[in-house]
Amino acid sequence: MATKADWSGSGMTPEHFISEVREFRAFVSDLAPSHEERKRAYKLLVEHAAMLDPGADGYEGAGVALKEACSTWLDCTSERELCSAEET
């Protein structure tokens, strides 16, 4: 996932965040990135979620997108743990 510019100056909009979640979900579903790269992408996404304005139009949709991103991350992490356990 490409690292976005610092959104704190211009404000992270719910629309931008929802797009970033879509990018994140595609990124972590790809087998090429390492676990550390996926972890960095998730951390960045959570940081961007914290920049959202609760009064902005579309904030609820961003909340749903964050829930989807968290579920994707948990699925990715649990699959990785299962694969590691099978290898031993």
N, C-alpha and C. Protein backbone atom coordinates (compact mmCIF):
# COMPACT_ATOMS: atom_id res chain seq x y z
N MET A 1 0.85 -1.17 0.00
CA MET A 1 0.00 0.00 0.00
C MET A 1 0.89 1.22 0.00
N ALA A 2 0.65 2.10 -0.88
CA ALA A 2 1.45 3.32 -0.95
C ALA A 2 1.21 4.17 0.28
N THR A 3 2.28 4.72 0.80
CA THR A 3 2.16 5.59 1.97
C THR A 3 1.60 6.92 1.51
N LYS A 4 0.55 7.33 2.16
CA LYS A 4 -0.09 8.61 1.82
C LYS A 4 0.66 9.76 2.47
N ALA A 5 0.45 10.93 1.95
CA ALA A 5 1.01 12.13 2.55
C ALA A 5 0.37 12.34 3.92
N ASP A 6 0.98 13.15 4.74
CA ASP A 6 0.43 13.45 6.06
C ASP A 6 -0.90 14.19 5.87
N TRP A 7 -1.99 13.57 6.30
CA TRP A 7 -3.31 14.14 6.10
C TRP A 7 -3.68 15.14 7.18
N SER A 8 -2.87 15.27 8.22
CA SER A 8 -3.26 16.12 9.34
C SER A 8 -3.38 17.59 8.94
N GLY A 9 -2.62 18.04 7.95
CA GLY A 9 -2.70 19.43 7.53
C GLY A 9 -3.98 19.73 6.77
N SER A 10 -4.38 18.82 5.90
CA SER A 10 -5.55 19.07 5.07
C SER A 10 -6.80 18.39 5.62
N GLY A 11 -6.64 17.49 6.56
CA GLY A 11 -7.78 16.78 7.13
C GLY A 11 -8.10 15.52 6.34
N MET A 12 -8.22 14.43 7.02
CA MET A 12 -8.59 13.16 6.38
C MET A 12 -10.10 13.15 6.23
N THR A 13 -10.57 13.03 5.02
CA THR A 13 -12.02 12.97 4.79
C THR A 13 -12.49 11.52 4.82
N PRO A 14 -13.73 11.31 5.16
CA PRO A 14 -14.25 9.94 5.14
C PRO A 14 -14.10 9.28 3.77
N GLU A 15 -14.29 10.03 2.70
CA GLU A 15 -14.16 9.47 1.35
C GLU A 15 -12.73 8.99 1.09
N HIS A 16 -11.75 9.80 1.49
CA HIS A 16 -10.35 9.38 1.33
C HIS A 16 -10.08 8.13 2.16
N PHE A 17 -10.60 8.11 3.37
CA PHE A 17 -10.36 6.98 4.25
C PHE A 17 -10.97 5.71 3.69
N ILE A 18 -12.19 5.79 3.19
CA ILE A 18 -12.85 4.62 2.61
C ILE A 18 -12.04 4.09 1.43
N SER A 19 -11.52 4.98 0.61
CA SER A 19 -10.66 4.57 -0.51
C SER A 19 -9.39 3.89 -0.01
N GLU A 20 -8.83 4.43 1.06
CA GLU A 20 -7.62 3.86 1.62
C GLU A 20 -7.89 2.46 2.19
N VAL A 21 -9.06 2.27 2.78
CA VAL A 21 -9.41 0.95 3.29
C VAL A 21 -9.51 -0.06 2.14
N ARG A 22 -10.10 0.36 1.04
CA ARG A 22 -10.18 -0.53 -0.14
C ARG A 22 -8.77 -0.93 -0.59
N GLU A 23 -7.88 0.05 -0.63
CA GLU A 23 -6.48 -0.21 -1.00
C GLU A 23 -5.84 -1.19 -0.02
N PHE A 24 -6.06 -0.94 1.26
CA PHE A 24 -5.49 -1.79 2.30
C PHE A 24 -5.96 -3.23 2.16
N ARG A 25 -7.25 -3.41 1.96
CA ARG A 25 -7.80 -4.77 1.84
C ARG A 25 -7.21 -5.50 0.64
N ALA A 26 -7.01 -4.81 -0.46
CA ALA A 26 -6.38 -5.42 -1.63
C ALA A 26 -4.91 -5.73 -1.35
N PHE A 27 -4.25 -4.82 -0.65
CA PHE A 27 -2.83 -4.98 -0.33
C PHE A 27 -2.60 -6.21 0.54
N VAL A 28 -3.37 -6.37 1.61
CA VAL A 28 -3.12 -7.49 2.52
C VAL A 28 -3.59 -8.82 1.94
N SER A 29 -4.49 -8.79 0.97
CA SER A 29 -4.92 -10.05 0.36
C SER A 29 -3.89 -10.57 -0.64
N ASP A 30 -2.98 -9.71 -1.06
CA ASP A 30 -1.89 -10.10 -1.96
C ASP A 30 -0.85 -10.87 -1.14
N LEU A 31 -0.29 -11.91 -1.70
CA LEU A 31 0.69 -12.72 -0.98
C LEU A 31 2.10 -12.13 -1.01
N ALA A 32 2.35 -11.18 -1.89
CA ALA A 32 3.69 -10.64 -2.05
C ALA A 32 4.20 -9.83 -0.85
N PRO A 33 3.40 -8.94 -0.25
CA PRO A 33 3.93 -8.14 0.86
C PRO A 33 4.26 -9.01 2.09
N SER A 34 5.31 -8.62 2.78
CA SER A 34 5.69 -9.33 4.00
C SER A 34 4.72 -8.96 5.12
N HIS A 35 4.79 -9.73 6.20
CA HIS A 35 3.94 -9.44 7.37
C HIS A 35 4.26 -8.05 7.91
N GLU A 36 5.52 -7.68 7.93
CA GLU A 36 5.91 -6.35 8.43
C GLU A 36 5.33 -5.24 7.56
N GLU A 37 5.31 -5.42 6.25
CA GLU A 37 4.72 -4.42 5.35
C GLU A 37 3.22 -4.31 5.59
N ARG A 38 2.57 -5.42 5.79
CA ARG A 38 1.14 -5.41 6.07
C ARG A 38 0.86 -4.74 7.41
N LYS A 39 1.70 -5.04 8.39
CA LYS A 39 1.56 -4.45 9.72
C LYS A 39 1.72 -2.93 9.66
N ARG A 40 2.70 -2.46 8.88
CA ARG A 40 2.91 -1.01 8.70
C ARG A 40 1.70 -0.36 8.05
N ALA A 41 1.15 -1.03 7.06
CA ALA A 41 -0.03 -0.50 6.35
C ALA A 41 -1.22 -0.40 7.31
N TYR A 42 -1.40 -1.41 8.15
CA TYR A 42 -2.50 -1.38 9.12
C TYR A 42 -2.31 -0.25 10.13
N LYS A 43 -1.09 -0.09 10.60
CA LYS A 43 -0.80 0.98 11.56
C LYS A 43 -1.12 2.35 10.94
N LEU A 44 -0.72 2.55 9.70
CA LEU A 44 -0.99 3.80 9.01
C LEU A 44 -2.49 4.03 8.87
N LEU A 45 -3.21 2.97 8.56
CA LEU A 45 -4.66 3.08 8.41
C LEU A 45 -5.31 3.50 9.73
N VAL A 46 -4.87 2.91 10.83
CA VAL A 46 -5.43 3.26 12.14
C VAL A 46 -5.09 4.71 12.48
N GLU A 47 -3.88 5.15 12.16
CA GLU A 47 -3.51 6.55 12.39
C GLU A 47 -4.41 7.49 11.59
N HIS A 48 -4.72 7.12 10.36
CA HIS A 48 -5.59 7.95 9.53
C HIS A 48 -7.02 7.95 10.05
N ALA A 49 -7.45 6.83 10.62
CA ALA A 49 -8.80 6.78 11.21
C ALA A 49 -8.91 7.77 12.36
N ALA A 50 -7.83 7.92 13.10
CA ALA A 50 -7.82 8.86 14.24
C ALA A 50 -7.89 10.32 13.78
N MET A 51 -7.60 10.57 12.52
CA MET A 51 -7.63 11.93 11.99
C MET A 51 -9.01 12.33 11.47
N LEU A 52 -9.93 11.41 11.45
CA LEU A 52 -11.26 11.70 10.92
C LEU A 52 -12.03 12.64 11.84
N ASP A 53 -12.80 13.51 11.24
CA ASP A 53 -13.66 14.44 11.97
C ASP A 53 -15.02 13.78 12.17
N PRO A 54 -15.42 13.51 13.42
CA PRO A 54 -16.70 12.85 13.66
C PRO A 54 -17.91 13.63 13.13
N GLY A 55 -17.76 14.91 12.89
CA GLY A 55 -18.86 15.72 12.38
C GLY A 55 -18.92 15.75 10.86
N ALA A 56 -17.97 15.13 10.20
CA ALA A 56 -17.92 15.17 8.73
C ALA A 56 -18.99 14.27 8.12
N ASP A 57 -19.52 14.71 6.98
CA ASP A 57 -20.46 13.87 6.24
C ASP A 57 -19.74 12.59 5.82
N GLY A 58 -20.40 11.48 6.02
CA GLY A 58 -19.81 10.20 5.63
C GLY A 58 -19.01 9.53 6.72
N TYR A 59 -18.98 10.14 7.91
CA TYR A 59 -18.20 9.57 9.02
C TYR A 59 -18.66 8.14 9.35
N GLU A 60 -19.96 7.90 9.30
CA GLU A 60 -20.48 6.57 9.60
C GLU A 60 -19.94 5.54 8.63
N GLY A 61 -19.87 5.91 7.36
CA GLY A 61 -19.32 5.00 6.35
C GLY A 61 -17.86 4.69 6.60
N ALA A 62 -17.13 5.69 7.09
CA ALA A 62 -15.73 5.47 7.43
C ALA A 62 -15.61 4.50 8.60
N GLY A 63 -16.57 4.57 9.53
CA GLY A 63 -16.58 3.64 10.65
C GLY A 63 -16.80 2.20 10.19
N VAL A 64 -17.71 2.03 9.26
CA VAL A 64 -17.95 0.70 8.69
C VAL A 64 -16.70 0.21 7.96
N ALA A 65 -16.06 1.10 7.22
CA ALA A 65 -14.83 0.74 6.51
C ALA A 65 -13.73 0.33 7.49
N LEU A 66 -13.63 1.04 8.61
CA LEU A 66 -12.63 0.69 9.62
C LEU A 66 -12.92 -0.70 10.19
N LYS A 67 -14.17 -0.99 10.44
CA LYS A 67 -14.54 -2.32 10.94
C LYS A 67 -14.13 -3.40 9.93
N GLU A 68 -14.36 -3.14 8.64
CA GLU A 68 -13.96 -4.08 7.60
C GLU A 68 -12.45 -4.26 7.56
N ALA A 69 -11.72 -3.15 7.73
CA ALA A 69 -10.26 -3.22 7.74
C ALA A 69 -9.76 -4.03 8.94
N CYS A 70 -10.39 -3.83 10.10
CA CYS A 70 -10.00 -4.60 11.30
C CYS A 70 -10.26 -6.08 11.09
N SER A 71 -11.40 -6.41 10.51
CA SER A 71 -11.72 -7.81 10.23
C SER A 71 -10.72 -8.41 9.25
N THR A 72 -10.37 -7.66 8.24
CA THR A 72 -9.39 -8.11 7.26
C THR A 72 -8.05 -8.36 7.93
N TRP A 73 -7.64 -7.44 8.80
CA TRP A 73 -6.37 -7.58 9.51
C TRP A 73 -6.39 -8.83 10.40
N LEU A 74 -7.48 -9.04 11.13
CA LEU A 74 -7.57 -10.21 12.00
C LEU A 74 -7.55 -11.50 11.18
N ASP A 75 -8.24 -11.51 10.05
CA ASP A 75 -8.20 -12.69 9.18
C ASP A 75 -6.79 -12.94 8.67
N CYS A 76 -6.13 -11.88 8.26
CA CYS A 76 -4.76 -11.99 7.74
C CYS A 76 -3.82 -12.52 8.82
N THR A 77 -3.97 -12.01 10.03
CA THR A 77 -3.11 -12.41 11.14
C THR A 77 -3.37 -13.86 11.54
N SER A 78 -4.64 -14.25 11.64
CA SER A 78 -4.94 -15.62 12.05
C SER A 78 -4.53 -16.63 10.99
N GLU A 79 -4.68 -16.29 9.71
CA GLU A 79 -4.23 -17.18 8.64
C GLU A 79 -2.72 -17.37 8.71
N ARG A 80 -2.00 -16.29 9.00
CA ARG A 80 -0.55 -16.35 9.08
C ARG A 80 -0.13 -17.26 10.24
N GLU A 81 -0.83 -17.16 11.37
CA GLU A 81 -0.51 -17.99 12.53
C GLU A 81 -0.80 -19.44 12.23
N LEU A 82 -1.89 -19.73 11.51
CA LEU A 82 -2.22 -21.10 11.14
C LEU A 82 -1.15 -21.67 10.22
N CYS A 83 -0.70 -20.89 9.26
CA CYS A 83 0.34 -21.34 8.33
C CYS A 83 1.64 -21.63 9.09
N SER A 84 1.98 -20.78 10.04
CA SER A 84 3.20 -20.98 10.82
C SER A 84 3.10 -22.24 11.67
N ALA A 85 1.93 -22.51 12.24
CA ALA A 85 1.74 -23.69 13.07
C ALA A 85 1.83 -24.96 12.24
N GLU A 86 1.33 -24.92 11.01
CA GLU A 86 1.37 -26.10 10.14
C GLU A 86 2.79 -26.43 9.69
N GLU A 87 3.63 -25.40 9.59
CA GLU A 87 5.01 -25.61 9.14
C GLU A 87 5.86 -26.27 10.19
N THR A 88 5.48 -26.18 11.48
CA THR A 88 6.30 -26.76 12.55
C THR A 88 5.91 -28.17 12.86
